[in-house]
Amino acid sequence: MDDAHFDPSLSLGFAVKRLQQAMRREMDARLAAHGLTMPQYTALNLLARTPGMSNAELAGRAFVTPPTMLRVIDGLVSARLVHRAGMTGRHRTLSLTEHGTATLAKASAEVGGIEDTLRAHVDSPDADADADPDPERWREIHAWLTRAAEAFEAPPEGER
């Protein structure tokens, strides 16, 4: 395993990054067909699941800065996909328009195919190609990726 630091073909980190880049390219292409970028799709998806979020809440959940999310939201408002609703405290809440809901539904159908591709490759290469992926194996992989991400997101030992 010591060679993994020097040989990208042996590195889990390299494999994860390669997958992330391939998925991002595929998502960008599929979303472009609906006039959306990845940050716009993420914002629409989050607003559909939690209507009334503020710009700051969206930014935090979408892994971008508030100024970046503000530009994303401005574009979505201009495209009539998002509506700036009333004020909640010091924050203006956001919600999807009917056009935004319809656009998200169409784009989500496309993006769902990417998740299907991932699921199709969960099992070993010699598994029955027509069989459904093993849901337990899927949960294990998901849990491992989540734990690994959380380990890097945690504050350093001395800062806790």
Protein backbone atom coordinates (compact mmCIF):
# COMPACT_ATOMS: atom_id res chain seq x y z
CA MET A 1 0.00 0.00 0.00
CA ASP A 2 2.98 2.35 0.43
CA ASP A 3 3.11 2.78 -3.35
CA ALA A 4 -0.39 4.30 -3.34
CA HIS A 5 1.12 7.68 -2.47
CA PHE A 6 3.21 7.58 -5.62
CA ASP A 7 1.18 5.52 -8.08
CA PRO A 8 -2.21 7.06 -8.94
CA SER A 9 -3.48 3.71 -10.21
CA LEU A 10 -3.25 2.40 -6.61
CA SER A 11 -4.66 5.47 -4.86
CA LEU A 12 -8.23 5.44 -3.51
CA GLY A 13 -8.18 9.24 -3.41
CA PHE A 14 -7.23 9.38 -7.08
CA ALA A 15 -10.01 6.91 -7.95
CA VAL A 16 -12.59 8.95 -6.01
CA LYS A 17 -11.43 12.19 -7.69
CA ARG A 18 -11.52 10.54 -11.13
CA LEU A 19 -15.08 9.36 -10.48
CA GLN A 20 -16.10 12.81 -9.22
CA GLN A 21 -14.72 14.50 -12.33
CA ALA A 22 -16.34 11.99 -14.68
CA MET A 23 -19.68 12.38 -12.90
CA ARG A 24 -19.42 16.17 -12.96
CA ARG A 25 -18.74 16.18 -16.73
CA GLU A 26 -21.72 13.91 -17.30
CA MET A 27 -23.97 15.99 -15.02
CA ASP A 28 -22.88 19.24 -16.67
CA ALA A 29 -23.74 17.83 -20.10
CA ARG A 30 -27.13 16.51 -19.00
CA LEU A 31 -28.04 19.69 -17.13
CA ALA A 32 -26.96 21.96 -20.00
CA ALA A 33 -29.74 20.39 -22.07
CA HIS A 34 -32.15 21.99 -19.56
CA GLY A 35 -30.31 25.31 -19.40
CA LEU A 36 -28.94 24.60 -15.93
CA THR A 37 -25.54 24.49 -14.30
CA MET A 38 -24.65 22.15 -11.45
CA PRO A 39 -24.92 24.92 -8.80
CA GLN A 40 -28.31 25.96 -10.20
CA TYR A 41 -29.57 22.37 -10.17
CA THR A 42 -28.34 21.94 -6.60
CA ALA A 43 -30.13 25.13 -5.50
CA LEU A 44 -33.38 24.05 -7.19
CA ASN A 45 -33.15 20.60 -5.63
CA LEU A 46 -32.52 22.01 -2.15
CA LEU A 47 -35.38 24.52 -2.47
CA ALA A 48 -37.75 21.78 -3.64
CA ARG A 49 -36.90 19.71 -0.55
CA THR A 50 -36.82 22.64 1.90
CA PRO A 51 -38.87 25.59 0.63
CA GLY A 52 -38.20 28.95 2.24
CA MET A 53 -34.45 28.56 2.68
CA SER A 54 -32.36 31.71 2.73
CA ASN A 55 -29.40 32.40 0.46
CA ALA A 56 -26.97 31.70 3.33
CA GLU A 57 -28.64 28.36 4.15
CA LEU A 58 -28.54 27.34 0.49
CA ALA A 59 -24.88 28.30 0.17
CA GLY A 60 -23.90 26.20 3.17
CA ARG A 61 -25.76 23.13 1.95
CA ALA A 62 -24.52 23.54 -1.64
CA PHE A 63 -20.84 23.87 -0.66
CA VAL A 64 -20.45 27.38 -2.11
CA THR A 65 -19.96 30.82 -0.56
CA PRO A 66 -22.96 33.12 0.02
CA PRO A 67 -21.78 35.59 -2.68
CA THR A 68 -21.54 32.71 -5.19
CA MET A 69 -25.01 31.46 -4.23
CA LEU A 70 -26.37 34.99 -4.62
CA ARG A 71 -25.18 34.99 -8.24
CA VAL A 72 -26.71 31.52 -8.75
CA ILE A 73 -30.04 32.70 -7.31
CA ASP A 74 -29.97 35.89 -9.41
CA GLY A 75 -29.68 33.71 -12.51
CA LEU A 76 -32.52 31.44 -11.36
CA VAL A 77 -34.75 34.45 -10.63
CA SER A 78 -33.95 35.93 -14.07
CA ALA A 79 -34.88 32.60 -15.67
CA ARG A 80 -38.18 32.58 -13.69
CA LEU A 81 -37.22 29.35 -11.93
CA VAL A 82 -37.06 30.82 -8.41
CA HIS A 83 -39.10 33.49 -6.65
CA ARG A 84 -37.78 35.70 -3.88
CA ALA A 85 -40.53 35.48 -1.28
CA GLY A 86 -41.11 37.44 1.90
CA MET A 87 -38.69 38.18 4.69
CA THR A 88 -38.03 35.80 7.58
CA GLY A 89 -36.15 37.76 10.18
CA ARG A 90 -33.29 39.40 8.31
CA HIS A 91 -33.38 36.94 5.40
CA ARG A 92 -35.45 36.86 2.25
CA THR A 93 -36.76 33.35 1.65
CA LEU A 94 -36.74 31.62 -1.70
CA SER A 95 -39.13 29.24 -3.41
CA LEU A 96 -39.49 27.49 -6.75
CA THR A 97 -41.87 28.81 -9.37
CA GLU A 98 -44.06 26.42 -11.35
CA HIS A 99 -41.55 26.72 -14.19
CA GLY A 100 -38.75 25.92 -11.72
CA THR A 101 -40.57 22.84 -10.45
CA ALA A 102 -41.16 21.58 -14.00
CA THR A 103 -37.54 22.25 -15.03
CA LEU A 104 -36.23 20.47 -11.94
CA ALA A 105 -38.42 17.42 -12.65
CA LYS A 106 -37.10 17.12 -16.21
CA ALA A 107 -33.48 17.65 -15.17
CA SER A 108 -33.78 15.22 -12.25
CA ALA A 109 -34.91 12.47 -14.60
CA GLU A 110 -31.69 12.97 -16.57
CA VAL A 111 -29.48 13.18 -13.50
CA GLY A 112 -31.09 10.05 -12.05
CA GLY A 113 -29.46 8.09 -14.85
CA ILE A 114 -26.05 8.92 -13.38
CA GLU A 115 -27.06 7.39 -10.06
CA ASP A 116 -28.35 4.35 -11.97
CA THR A 117 -24.94 3.97 -13.64
CA LEU A 118 -23.25 4.05 -10.23
CA ARG A 119 -25.63 1.44 -8.85
CA ALA A 120 -25.06 -0.78 -11.88
CA HIS A 121 -21.34 -0.93 -11.06
CA VAL A 122 -21.61 -1.64 -7.33
CA ASP A 123 -21.38 -5.39 -7.68
CA SER A 124 -18.33 -7.26 -8.91
CA PRO A 125 -17.69 -7.37 -12.67
CA ASP A 126 -18.67 -11.05 -12.83
CA ALA A 127 -22.12 -10.44 -11.22
CA ASP A 128 -25.25 -11.00 -13.28
CA ALA A 129 -25.61 -7.81 -15.36
CA ASP A 130 -29.41 -8.04 -15.36
CA ALA A 131 -29.73 -8.46 -11.60
CA ASP A 132 -30.43 -5.52 -9.30
CA PRO A 133 -27.38 -4.30 -7.39
CA ASP A 134 -26.95 -5.63 -3.88
CA PRO A 135 -28.61 -2.99 -1.65
CA GLU A 136 -26.52 -4.00 1.37
CA ARG A 137 -23.29 -3.48 -0.58
CA TRP A 138 -24.63 -0.09 -1.75
CA ARG A 139 -25.34 0.94 1.86
CA GLU A 140 -21.84 -0.18 2.94
CA ILE A 141 -20.14 1.84 0.21
CA HIS A 142 -22.32 4.87 0.95
CA ALA A 143 -21.58 4.62 4.67
CA TRP A 144 -17.84 4.31 4.04
CA LEU A 145 -17.79 7.35 1.73
CA THR A 146 -19.82 9.33 4.26
CA ARG A 147 -17.49 8.41 7.13
CA ALA A 148 -14.42 9.29 5.06
CA ALA A 149 -15.88 12.69 4.11
CA GLU A 150 -16.81 13.40 7.74
CA ALA A 151 -13.26 12.57 8.84
CA PHE A 152 -11.90 15.28 6.55
CA GLU A 153 -14.66 17.75 7.47
CA ALA A 154 -14.04 17.43 11.22
CA PRO A 155 -11.93 20.13 12.84
CA PRO A 156 -8.32 19.19 13.54
CA GLU A 157 -7.75 17.42 16.87
CA GLY A 158 -6.40 20.50 18.66
CA GLU A 159 -9.33 22.73 17.55
CA ARG A 160 -12.22 20.66 18.96
